[in-house]
Amino acid sequence: MSDPIEDWLAQHRKDLDTELVPKGLWDKIQNNLEQNVLPNRLIALPKTTHLKWYRAAAAAILLIAMSTGAGWWVRDAQTMPIVETHSEVEITDDLQKAKAFYDEKINVKVAELEAKNPDPSVMADLKQLDEVQLELRRELEIAPRSSREEILRTLMENYHHKLSILERVLEYSEQNAEEKSNRRQNERL
């Protein structure tokens, strides 16, 4: 692969060489060069200090020390026993109180619904909500402190949704029963 500039210069060399070099020019250049050079002069180079090497070594040692310390800290944090704080005790107490409150209301509604021979899909949906609650409780036990509040809020919403679903299903079944009784009365007339 050739250089395009060199190719162009080779093609146009005759056009570029229009002036002749004056005689004796090279001798003048050589004489000037010999006069400017100092004989036997040594050039003093600056001493190379090892300061750069010391800085690099210190940075490497600092980096190793920091990473070792961070590793020990992470290891100790993982093996450290979890101590329940006052707010965690309050969360578990609040959760127990809310669970008891919702369980009481839900059990009453489920008993009413079972007495009316509910649709099996409704009971399957309620069972699925129970499984979600169990999973949320397991997550609450192993979750980091920062996400426990969100899991607790989701658990409470799940209890509330379950109760509201039961109430709507019962309301619908009561309306449906009233409509059937009204139809029977209308048919008798």
N, C-alpha and C. Protein backbone atom coordinates (compact mmCIF):
# COMPACT_ATOMS: atom_id res chain seq x y z
N MET A 1 0.85 -1.17 0.00
CA MET A 1 0.00 0.00 0.00
C MET A 1 0.90 1.23 0.00
N SER A 2 0.76 2.02 -1.01
CA SER A 2 1.65 3.19 -1.14
C SER A 2 0.96 4.44 -0.61
N ASP A 3 1.80 5.40 -0.29
CA ASP A 3 1.33 6.66 0.25
C ASP A 3 0.88 7.55 -0.90
N PRO A 4 -0.32 8.13 -0.89
CA PRO A 4 -0.80 8.95 -2.01
C PRO A 4 0.04 10.22 -2.19
N ILE A 5 0.60 10.73 -1.11
CA ILE A 5 1.42 11.95 -1.23
C ILE A 5 2.72 11.64 -1.95
N GLU A 6 3.33 10.53 -1.60
CA GLU A 6 4.58 10.14 -2.28
C GLU A 6 4.34 9.85 -3.75
N ASP A 7 3.20 9.22 -4.05
CA ASP A 7 2.86 8.97 -5.46
C ASP A 7 2.70 10.28 -6.22
N TRP A 8 2.05 11.23 -5.62
CA TRP A 8 1.82 12.52 -6.29
C TRP A 8 3.15 13.25 -6.50
N LEU A 9 4.02 13.21 -5.47
CA LEU A 9 5.34 13.86 -5.60
C LEU A 9 6.17 13.21 -6.70
N ALA A 10 6.11 11.89 -6.81
CA ALA A 10 6.88 11.19 -7.85
C ALA A 10 6.38 11.58 -9.23
N GLN A 11 5.08 11.76 -9.39
CA GLN A 11 4.52 12.11 -10.70
C GLN A 11 4.82 13.56 -11.08
N HIS A 12 4.89 14.45 -10.08
CA HIS A 12 5.05 15.87 -10.36
C HIS A 12 6.44 16.39 -9.97
N ARG A 13 7.42 15.53 -9.88
CA ARG A 13 8.77 15.93 -9.47
C ARG A 13 9.35 16.97 -10.42
N LYS A 14 9.18 16.79 -11.71
CA LYS A 14 9.76 17.73 -12.68
C LYS A 14 9.15 19.12 -12.53
N ASP A 15 7.87 19.18 -12.22
CA ASP A 15 7.20 20.48 -12.05
C ASP A 15 7.68 21.19 -10.79
N LEU A 16 8.06 20.43 -9.79
CA LEU A 16 8.48 21.01 -8.52
C LEU A 16 9.95 21.45 -8.54
N ASP A 17 10.80 20.77 -9.31
CA ASP A 17 12.24 21.08 -9.33
C ASP A 17 12.53 22.15 -10.40
N THR A 18 12.16 23.36 -10.13
CA THR A 18 12.40 24.44 -11.10
C THR A 18 13.63 25.25 -10.74
N GLU A 19 14.02 25.29 -9.49
CA GLU A 19 15.16 26.09 -9.03
C GLU A 19 16.37 25.18 -8.83
N LEU A 20 17.53 25.69 -9.16
CA LEU A 20 18.77 24.96 -8.93
C LEU A 20 19.36 25.36 -7.60
N VAL A 21 20.03 24.42 -6.98
CA VAL A 21 20.67 24.68 -5.70
C VAL A 21 21.96 25.46 -5.97
N PRO A 22 22.16 26.58 -5.27
CA PRO A 22 23.39 27.36 -5.50
C PRO A 22 24.62 26.55 -5.11
N LYS A 23 25.70 26.78 -5.82
CA LYS A 23 26.94 26.08 -5.55
C LYS A 23 27.51 26.53 -4.22
N GLY A 24 28.03 25.58 -3.48
CA GLY A 24 28.67 25.87 -2.20
C GLY A 24 27.71 25.98 -1.04
N LEU A 25 26.43 25.75 -1.25
CA LEU A 25 25.45 25.84 -0.17
C LEU A 25 25.72 24.78 0.90
N TRP A 26 26.01 23.60 0.47
CA TRP A 26 26.25 22.52 1.42
C TRP A 26 27.48 22.79 2.27
N ASP A 27 28.52 23.35 1.66
CA ASP A 27 29.75 23.68 2.42
C ASP A 27 29.45 24.72 3.49
N LYS A 28 28.61 25.70 3.19
CA LYS A 28 28.25 26.71 4.18
C LYS A 28 27.47 26.10 5.35
N ILE A 29 26.56 25.20 5.03
CA ILE A 29 25.77 24.56 6.09
C ILE A 29 26.67 23.74 6.98
N GLN A 30 27.63 23.02 6.37
CA GLN A 30 28.53 22.17 7.15
C GLN A 30 29.44 23.00 8.04
N ASN A 31 29.92 24.13 7.55
CA ASN A 31 30.78 25.02 8.36
C ASN A 31 30.00 25.57 9.55
N ASN A 32 28.75 25.95 9.34
CA ASN A 32 27.92 26.46 10.45
C ASN A 32 27.67 25.39 11.50
N LEU A 33 27.49 24.16 11.07
CA LEU A 33 27.26 23.08 12.01
C LEU A 33 28.49 22.83 12.87
N GLU A 34 29.67 22.87 12.25
CA GLU A 34 30.90 22.60 13.00
C GLU A 34 31.20 23.72 14.00
N GLN A 35 30.82 24.94 13.70
CA GLN A 35 31.09 26.05 14.59
C GLN A 35 30.14 26.03 15.81
N ASN A 36 28.91 25.55 15.65
CA ASN A 36 27.93 25.57 16.73
C ASN A 36 28.09 24.43 17.73
N VAL A 37 28.78 23.38 17.37
CA VAL A 37 28.94 22.24 18.26
C VAL A 37 30.08 22.51 19.22
N LEU A 38 29.79 22.34 20.51
CA LEU A 38 30.83 22.51 21.52
C LEU A 38 31.58 21.19 21.67
N PRO A 39 32.87 21.24 21.72
CA PRO A 39 33.65 20.01 21.79
C PRO A 39 33.58 19.38 23.19
N ASN A 40 33.39 18.07 23.21
CA ASN A 40 33.44 17.24 24.42
C ASN A 40 32.61 17.77 25.58
N ARG A 41 31.45 18.23 25.28
CA ARG A 41 30.59 18.71 26.36
C ARG A 41 29.59 17.62 26.71
N LEU A 42 29.48 17.33 27.99
CA LEU A 42 28.54 16.34 28.45
C LEU A 42 27.22 17.02 28.80
N ILE A 43 26.15 16.34 28.48
CA ILE A 43 24.83 16.87 28.82
C ILE A 43 24.42 16.24 30.15
N ALA A 44 24.09 17.09 31.08
CA ALA A 44 23.72 16.60 32.41
C ALA A 44 22.22 16.30 32.42
N LEU A 45 21.88 15.05 32.63
CA LEU A 45 20.49 14.65 32.74
C LEU A 45 20.06 14.79 34.19
N PRO A 46 18.81 15.12 34.42
CA PRO A 46 18.37 15.23 35.82
C PRO A 46 18.40 13.85 36.48
N LYS A 47 18.71 13.89 37.76
CA LYS A 47 18.76 12.63 38.50
C LYS A 47 17.36 12.05 38.60
N THR A 48 17.28 10.80 38.34
CA THR A 48 15.97 10.15 38.47
C THR A 48 15.78 9.80 39.94
N THR A 49 14.75 10.36 40.48
CA THR A 49 14.46 10.07 41.87
C THR A 49 13.46 8.93 41.92
N HIS A 50 13.44 8.28 42.99
CA HIS A 50 12.54 7.16 43.15
C HIS A 50 11.22 7.59 43.79
N LEU A 51 11.00 8.91 43.79
CA LEU A 51 9.78 9.43 44.40
C LEU A 51 8.53 8.88 43.73
N LYS A 52 8.54 8.77 42.40
CA LYS A 52 7.38 8.24 41.68
C LYS A 52 7.12 6.79 42.08
N TRP A 53 8.18 6.03 42.23
CA TRP A 53 8.03 4.63 42.61
C TRP A 53 7.50 4.52 44.04
N TYR A 54 7.98 5.40 44.90
CA TYR A 54 7.49 5.37 46.29
C TYR A 54 6.00 5.71 46.35
N ARG A 55 5.59 6.68 45.56
CA ARG A 55 4.17 7.06 45.54
C ARG A 55 3.31 5.91 45.03
N ALA A 56 3.77 5.25 43.96
CA ALA A 56 3.01 4.13 43.41
C ALA A 56 2.92 2.99 44.42
N ALA A 57 4.02 2.71 45.10
CA ALA A 57 4.02 1.64 46.10
C ALA A 57 3.09 1.98 47.27
N ALA A 58 3.12 3.23 47.69
CA ALA A 58 2.24 3.66 48.80
C ALA A 58 0.78 3.55 48.39
N ALA A 59 0.45 3.93 47.17
CA ALA A 59 -0.93 3.83 46.69
C ALA A 59 -1.36 2.36 46.62
N ALA A 60 -0.47 1.49 46.18
CA ALA A 60 -0.81 0.06 46.11
C ALA A 60 -1.04 -0.51 47.50
N ILE A 61 -0.19 -0.15 48.45
CA ILE A 61 -0.36 -0.64 49.83
C ILE A 61 -1.66 -0.12 50.43
N LEU A 62 -1.97 1.13 50.19
CA LEU A 62 -3.22 1.72 50.69
C LEU A 62 -4.43 1.00 50.09
N LEU A 63 -4.37 0.71 48.81
CA LEU A 63 -5.47 0.03 48.13
C LEU A 63 -5.66 -1.38 48.70
N ILE A 64 -4.57 -2.08 48.93
CA ILE A 64 -4.66 -3.43 49.49
C ILE A 64 -5.22 -3.38 50.91
N ALA A 65 -4.76 -2.43 51.70
CA ALA A 65 -5.24 -2.31 53.08
C ALA A 65 -6.74 -1.98 53.11
N MET A 66 -7.18 -1.08 52.24
CA MET A 66 -8.60 -0.71 52.22
C MET A 66 -9.48 -1.89 51.78
N SER A 67 -9.05 -2.62 50.76
CA SER A 67 -9.85 -3.75 50.30
C SER A 67 -9.88 -4.86 51.34
N THR A 68 -8.78 -5.08 52.05
CA THR A 68 -8.77 -6.08 53.11
C THR A 68 -9.71 -5.67 54.24
N GLY A 69 -9.67 -4.42 54.63
CA GLY A 69 -10.56 -3.92 55.67
C GLY A 69 -12.01 -4.03 55.26
N ALA A 70 -12.31 -3.70 54.02
CA ALA A 70 -13.69 -3.80 53.53
C ALA A 70 -14.14 -5.26 53.53
N GLY A 71 -13.27 -6.16 53.15
CA GLY A 71 -13.60 -7.58 53.17
C GLY A 71 -13.90 -8.07 54.57
N TRP A 72 -13.10 -7.67 55.54
CA TRP A 72 -13.35 -8.06 56.93
C TRP A 72 -14.67 -7.49 57.42
N TRP A 73 -14.94 -6.24 57.06
CA TRP A 73 -16.17 -5.59 57.49
C TRP A 73 -17.40 -6.32 56.92
N VAL A 74 -17.36 -6.68 55.63
CA VAL A 74 -18.47 -7.39 55.01
C VAL A 74 -18.64 -8.76 55.65
N ARG A 75 -17.54 -9.45 55.88
CA ARG A 75 -17.61 -10.78 56.50
C ARG A 75 -18.22 -10.69 57.90
N ASP A 76 -17.78 -9.71 58.68
CA ASP A 76 -18.30 -9.56 60.04
C ASP A 76 -19.77 -9.16 60.02
N ALA A 77 -20.17 -8.34 59.05
CA ALA A 77 -21.57 -7.92 58.95
C ALA A 77 -22.46 -9.11 58.61
N GLN A 78 -21.94 -10.05 57.83
CA GLN A 78 -22.74 -11.22 57.46
C GLN A 78 -22.87 -12.20 58.62
N THR A 79 -21.84 -12.30 59.45
CA THR A 79 -21.89 -13.28 60.54
C THR A 79 -22.40 -12.68 61.84
N MET A 80 -22.61 -11.37 61.87
CA MET A 80 -23.06 -10.71 63.09
C MET A 80 -24.51 -11.08 63.38
N PRO A 81 -24.83 -11.44 64.62
CA PRO A 81 -26.21 -11.79 64.93
C PRO A 81 -27.12 -10.56 64.79
N ILE A 82 -28.31 -10.79 64.30
CA ILE A 82 -29.25 -9.69 64.12
C ILE A 82 -29.92 -9.41 65.45
N VAL A 83 -29.80 -8.18 65.89
CA VAL A 83 -30.38 -7.77 67.16
C VAL A 83 -31.67 -7.03 66.85
N GLU A 84 -32.76 -7.45 67.48
CA GLU A 84 -34.03 -6.79 67.26
C GLU A 84 -34.04 -5.43 67.94
N THR A 85 -34.37 -4.42 67.18
CA THR A 85 -34.47 -3.10 67.76
C THR A 85 -35.90 -2.85 68.22
N HIS A 86 -36.09 -1.73 68.87
CA HIS A 86 -37.41 -1.39 69.40
C HIS A 86 -38.43 -1.28 68.26
N SER A 87 -38.02 -0.69 67.11
CA SER A 87 -38.96 -0.53 66.01
C SER A 87 -39.35 -1.88 65.41
N GLU A 88 -38.41 -2.85 65.41
CA GLU A 88 -38.74 -4.17 64.89
C GLU A 88 -39.73 -4.88 65.81
N VAL A 89 -39.58 -4.69 67.10
CA VAL A 89 -40.52 -5.27 68.05
C VAL A 89 -41.90 -4.67 67.82
N GLU A 90 -41.95 -3.35 67.59
CA GLU A 90 -43.22 -2.69 67.32
C GLU A 90 -43.84 -3.22 66.03
N ILE A 91 -43.00 -3.46 65.02
CA ILE A 91 -43.51 -3.98 63.74
C ILE A 91 -44.14 -5.35 63.95
N THR A 92 -43.45 -6.21 64.68
CA THR A 92 -44.02 -7.54 64.89
C THR A 92 -45.28 -7.48 65.74
N ASP A 93 -45.33 -6.60 66.74
CA ASP A 93 -46.54 -6.45 67.54
C ASP A 93 -47.69 -5.92 66.69
N ASP A 94 -47.39 -4.89 65.88
CA ASP A 94 -48.41 -4.33 65.00
C ASP A 94 -48.90 -5.39 64.01
N LEU A 95 -47.97 -6.19 63.50
CA LEU A 95 -48.34 -7.24 62.55
C LEU A 95 -49.24 -8.27 63.23
N GLN A 96 -48.91 -8.66 64.46
CA GLN A 96 -49.74 -9.63 65.18
C GLN A 96 -51.15 -9.08 65.45
N LYS A 97 -51.21 -7.80 65.83
CA LYS A 97 -52.51 -7.19 66.10
C LYS A 97 -53.35 -7.10 64.83
N ALA A 98 -52.71 -6.67 63.73
CA ALA A 98 -53.43 -6.55 62.46
C ALA A 98 -53.86 -7.92 61.97
N LYS A 99 -52.99 -8.91 62.11
CA LYS A 99 -53.31 -10.27 61.69
C LYS A 99 -54.52 -10.79 62.48
N ALA A 100 -54.51 -10.58 63.79
CA ALA A 100 -55.64 -11.04 64.61
C ALA A 100 -56.93 -10.33 64.21
N PHE A 101 -56.85 -9.02 63.96
CA PHE A 101 -58.02 -8.24 63.56
C PHE A 101 -58.60 -8.76 62.24
N TYR A 102 -57.72 -8.86 61.23
CA TYR A 102 -58.19 -9.30 59.92
C TYR A 102 -58.61 -10.77 59.93
N ASP A 103 -57.89 -11.62 60.64
CA ASP A 103 -58.25 -13.04 60.69
C ASP A 103 -59.64 -13.23 61.28
N GLU A 104 -59.94 -12.47 62.31
CA GLU A 104 -61.28 -12.58 62.93
C GLU A 104 -62.37 -12.22 61.93
N LYS A 105 -62.19 -11.08 61.26
CA LYS A 105 -63.20 -10.64 60.29
C LYS A 105 -63.26 -11.59 59.09
N ILE A 106 -62.10 -12.03 58.63
CA ILE A 106 -62.06 -12.92 57.46
C ILE A 106 -62.69 -14.26 57.79
N ASN A 107 -62.43 -14.80 58.97
CA ASN A 107 -63.00 -16.09 59.35
C ASN A 107 -64.53 -16.03 59.39
N VAL A 108 -65.09 -14.92 59.89
CA VAL A 108 -66.54 -14.74 59.92
C VAL A 108 -67.09 -14.72 58.50
N LYS A 109 -66.45 -13.97 57.63
CA LYS A 109 -66.92 -13.85 56.24
C LYS A 109 -66.78 -15.18 55.50
N VAL A 110 -65.70 -15.91 55.74
CA VAL A 110 -65.51 -17.20 55.08
C VAL A 110 -66.58 -18.18 55.54
N ALA A 111 -66.91 -18.17 56.85
CA ALA A 111 -67.96 -19.05 57.36
C ALA A 111 -69.30 -18.72 56.71
N GLU A 112 -69.61 -17.43 56.56
CA GLU A 112 -70.85 -17.03 55.88
C GLU A 112 -70.86 -17.51 54.44
N LEU A 113 -69.72 -17.36 53.78
CA LEU A 113 -69.62 -17.74 52.37
C LEU A 113 -69.73 -19.26 52.21
N GLU A 114 -69.11 -20.02 53.09
CA GLU A 114 -69.18 -21.48 53.00
C GLU A 114 -70.60 -21.97 53.24
N ALA A 115 -71.36 -21.27 54.09
CA ALA A 115 -72.75 -21.64 54.34
C ALA A 115 -73.61 -21.46 53.10
N LYS A 116 -73.22 -20.60 52.21
CA LYS A 116 -74.00 -20.32 51.00
C LYS A 116 -73.52 -21.12 49.80
N ASN A 117 -72.66 -22.11 50.00
CA ASN A 117 -72.11 -22.95 48.92
C ASN A 117 -71.49 -22.08 47.82
N PRO A 118 -70.32 -21.52 48.08
CA PRO A 118 -69.72 -20.59 47.13
C PRO A 118 -69.17 -21.29 45.88
N ASP A 119 -68.86 -20.47 44.92
CA ASP A 119 -68.21 -20.93 43.70
C ASP A 119 -66.80 -21.42 44.06
N PRO A 120 -66.38 -22.59 43.56
CA PRO A 120 -65.04 -23.10 43.91
C PRO A 120 -63.90 -22.18 43.47
N SER A 121 -64.12 -21.40 42.43
CA SER A 121 -63.05 -20.49 41.98
C SER A 121 -62.80 -19.39 43.01
N VAL A 122 -63.84 -18.98 43.73
CA VAL A 122 -63.66 -17.96 44.78
C VAL A 122 -62.79 -18.51 45.89
N MET A 123 -63.06 -19.74 46.29
CA MET A 123 -62.26 -20.36 47.35
C MET A 123 -60.81 -20.56 46.89
N ALA A 124 -60.62 -20.88 45.61
CA ALA A 124 -59.26 -21.05 45.07
C ALA A 124 -58.52 -19.71 45.09
N ASP A 125 -59.24 -18.63 44.76
CA ASP A 125 -58.61 -17.30 44.81
C ASP A 125 -58.22 -16.93 46.23
N LEU A 126 -59.08 -17.25 47.19
CA LEU A 126 -58.76 -16.96 48.59
C LEU A 126 -57.54 -17.77 49.06
N LYS A 127 -57.46 -19.01 48.59
CA LYS A 127 -56.32 -19.85 48.95
C LYS A 127 -55.03 -19.27 48.35
N GLN A 128 -55.13 -18.74 47.15
CA GLN A 128 -53.96 -18.13 46.51
C GLN A 128 -53.51 -16.88 47.30
N LEU A 129 -54.46 -16.10 47.79
CA LEU A 129 -54.11 -14.94 48.61
C LEU A 129 -53.43 -15.39 49.92
N ASP A 130 -53.87 -16.52 50.48
CA ASP A 130 -53.22 -17.06 51.68
C ASP A 130 -51.77 -17.44 51.39
N GLU A 131 -51.52 -18.01 50.22
CA GLU A 131 -50.15 -18.40 49.85
C GLU A 131 -49.27 -17.16 49.68
N VAL A 132 -49.83 -16.11 49.12
CA VAL A 132 -49.07 -14.86 48.98
C VAL A 132 -48.73 -14.30 50.35
N GLN A 133 -49.68 -14.38 51.28
CA GLN A 133 -49.42 -13.90 52.64
C GLN A 133 -48.30 -14.69 53.31
N LEU A 134 -48.31 -16.01 53.13
CA LEU A 134 -47.24 -16.84 53.71
C LEU A 134 -45.88 -16.46 53.12
N GLU A 135 -45.86 -16.25 51.82
CA GLU A 135 -44.60 -15.86 51.17
C GLU A 135 -44.12 -14.50 51.65
N LEU A 136 -45.05 -13.57 51.84
CA LEU A 136 -44.67 -12.24 52.33
C LEU A 136 -44.13 -12.32 53.76
N ARG A 137 -44.72 -13.18 54.59
CA ARG A 137 -44.21 -13.34 55.96
C ARG A 137 -42.81 -13.93 55.97
N ARG A 138 -42.56 -14.89 55.07
CA ARG A 138 -41.20 -15.45 54.97
C ARG A 138 -40.20 -14.38 54.52
N GLU A 139 -40.59 -13.59 53.55
CA GLU A 139 -39.72 -12.51 53.09
C GLU A 139 -39.47 -11.49 54.19
N LEU A 140 -40.48 -11.23 55.00
CA LEU A 140 -40.33 -10.26 56.10
C LEU A 140 -39.29 -10.73 57.11
N GLU A 141 -39.21 -12.03 57.32
CA GLU A 141 -38.24 -12.58 58.27
C GLU A 141 -36.81 -12.45 57.79
N ILE A 142 -36.58 -12.58 56.49
CA ILE A 142 -35.20 -12.57 55.96
C ILE A 142 -34.83 -11.27 55.27
N ALA A 143 -35.77 -10.36 55.12
CA ALA A 143 -35.52 -9.12 54.38
C ALA A 143 -34.63 -8.18 55.19
N PRO A 144 -33.83 -7.38 54.48
CA PRO A 144 -33.05 -6.36 55.18
C PRO A 144 -33.97 -5.31 55.79
N ARG A 145 -33.46 -4.63 56.77
CA ARG A 145 -34.28 -3.66 57.52
C ARG A 145 -34.89 -2.59 56.62
N SER A 146 -34.17 -2.23 55.58
CA SER A 146 -34.64 -1.14 54.71
C SER A 146 -35.90 -1.50 53.94
N SER A 147 -36.13 -2.78 53.66
CA SER A 147 -37.29 -3.14 52.86
C SER A 147 -38.41 -3.77 53.68
N ARG A 148 -38.25 -3.88 54.97
CA ARG A 148 -39.28 -4.51 55.81
C ARG A 148 -40.57 -3.70 55.83
N GLU A 149 -40.46 -2.39 55.86
CA GLU A 149 -41.66 -1.55 55.92
C GLU A 149 -42.52 -1.74 54.67
N GLU A 150 -41.88 -1.83 53.52
CA GLU A 150 -42.62 -2.02 52.27
C GLU A 150 -43.30 -3.40 52.24
N ILE A 151 -42.61 -4.42 52.72
CA ILE A 151 -43.20 -5.76 52.76
C ILE A 151 -44.38 -5.78 53.73
N LEU A 152 -44.22 -5.11 54.86
CA LEU A 152 -45.29 -5.04 55.86
C LEU A 152 -46.51 -4.33 55.27
N ARG A 153 -46.27 -3.24 54.55
CA ARG A 153 -47.37 -2.51 53.92
C ARG A 153 -48.09 -3.41 52.90
N THR A 154 -47.33 -4.16 52.12
CA THR A 154 -47.92 -5.07 51.13
C THR A 154 -48.73 -6.17 51.82
N LEU A 155 -48.23 -6.66 52.94
CA LEU A 155 -48.93 -7.69 53.69
C LEU A 155 -50.27 -7.16 54.21
N MET A 156 -50.26 -5.95 54.72
CA MET A 156 -51.49 -5.34 55.22
C MET A 156 -52.48 -5.11 54.07
N GLU A 157 -51.98 -4.69 52.92
CA GLU A 157 -52.86 -4.49 51.75
C GLU A 157 -53.48 -5.82 51.33
N ASN A 158 -52.69 -6.89 51.43
CA ASN A 158 -53.19 -8.21 51.06
C ASN A 158 -54.34 -8.62 51.99
N TYR A 159 -54.18 -8.39 53.30
CA TYR A 159 -55.27 -8.68 54.24
C TYR A 159 -56.52 -7.87 53.87
N HIS A 160 -56.30 -6.59 53.59
CA HIS A 160 -57.43 -5.71 53.26
C HIS A 160 -58.12 -6.18 51.97
N HIS A 161 -57.34 -6.55 50.95
CA HIS A 161 -57.92 -7.02 49.69
C HIS A 161 -58.73 -8.30 49.90
N LYS A 162 -58.20 -9.19 50.70
CA LYS A 162 -58.91 -10.44 50.96
C LYS A 162 -60.26 -10.17 51.62
N LEU A 163 -60.25 -9.30 52.60
CA LEU A 163 -61.50 -8.96 53.29
C LEU A 163 -62.49 -8.27 52.34
N SER A 164 -62.00 -7.35 51.52
CA SER A 164 -62.91 -6.66 50.60
C SER A 164 -63.44 -7.60 49.53
N ILE A 165 -62.64 -8.57 49.09
CA ILE A 165 -63.14 -9.56 48.11
C ILE A 165 -64.25 -10.39 48.74
N LEU A 166 -64.02 -10.82 49.97
CA LEU A 166 -65.05 -11.61 50.66
C LEU A 166 -66.34 -10.81 50.81
N GLU A 167 -66.22 -9.54 51.18
CA GLU A 167 -67.41 -8.71 51.35
C GLU A 167 -68.16 -8.54 50.03
N ARG A 168 -67.43 -8.33 48.93
CA ARG A 168 -68.08 -8.17 47.63
C ARG A 168 -68.76 -9.47 47.18
N VAL A 169 -68.09 -10.59 47.40
CA VAL A 169 -68.68 -11.87 47.01
C VAL A 169 -69.95 -12.12 47.82
N LEU A 170 -69.90 -11.85 49.12
CA LEU A 170 -71.09 -12.03 49.96
C LEU A 170 -72.21 -11.08 49.53
N GLU A 171 -71.87 -9.86 49.23
CA GLU A 171 -72.87 -8.88 48.78
C GLU A 171 -73.51 -9.34 47.47
N TYR A 172 -72.67 -9.83 46.57
CA TYR A 172 -73.19 -10.31 45.29
C TYR A 172 -74.09 -11.53 45.49
N SER A 173 -73.67 -12.44 46.36
CA SER A 173 -74.50 -13.64 46.58
C SER A 173 -75.82 -13.27 47.24
N GLU A 174 -75.83 -12.28 48.15
CA GLU A 174 -77.08 -11.82 48.77
C GLU A 174 -78.00 -11.18 47.74
N GLN A 175 -77.43 -10.36 46.85
CA GLN A 175 -78.23 -9.74 45.80
C GLN A 175 -78.80 -10.81 44.86
N ASN A 176 -77.96 -11.78 44.56
CA ASN A 176 -78.39 -12.86 43.68
C ASN A 176 -79.51 -13.67 44.32
N ALA A 177 -79.40 -13.92 45.64
CA ALA A 177 -80.44 -14.66 46.36
C ALA A 177 -81.74 -13.85 46.39
N GLU A 178 -81.67 -12.53 46.60
CA GLU A 178 -82.87 -11.68 46.61
C GLU A 178 -83.54 -11.68 45.25
N GLU A 179 -82.72 -11.63 44.18
CA GLU A 179 -83.30 -11.64 42.84
C GLU A 179 -84.02 -12.96 42.56
N LYS A 180 -83.44 -14.06 43.03
CA LYS A 180 -84.08 -15.37 42.84
C LYS A 180 -85.40 -15.44 43.59
N SER A 181 -85.39 -14.94 44.82
CA SER A 181 -86.64 -14.98 45.61
C SER A 181 -87.69 -14.06 44.99
N ASN A 182 -87.26 -12.92 44.45
CA ASN A 182 -88.22 -12.01 43.78
C ASN A 182 -88.79 -12.67 42.52
N ARG A 183 -87.97 -13.39 41.79
CA ARG A 183 -88.44 -14.08 40.59
C ARG A 183 -89.46 -15.16 40.94
N ARG A 184 -89.17 -15.88 42.03
CA ARG A 184 -90.09 -16.95 42.45
C ARG A 184 -91.45 -16.34 42.87
N GLN A 185 -91.40 -15.21 43.57
CA GLN A 185 -92.65 -14.57 43.96
C GLN A 185 -93.40 -14.07 42.76
N ASN A 186 -92.68 -13.51 41.78
CA ASN A 186 -93.33 -13.02 40.56
C ASN A 186 -93.91 -14.18 39.75
N GLU A 187 -93.24 -15.32 39.77
CA GLU A 187 -93.74 -16.47 39.03
C GLU A 187 -95.01 -17.03 39.67
N ARG A 188 -95.11 -16.94 40.99
CA ARG A 188 -96.27 -17.44 41.70
C ARG A 188 -97.50 -16.56 41.43
N LEU A 189 -97.27 -15.30 41.19
CA LEU A 189 -98.39 -14.38 40.95
C LEU A 189 -98.86 -14.56 39.56
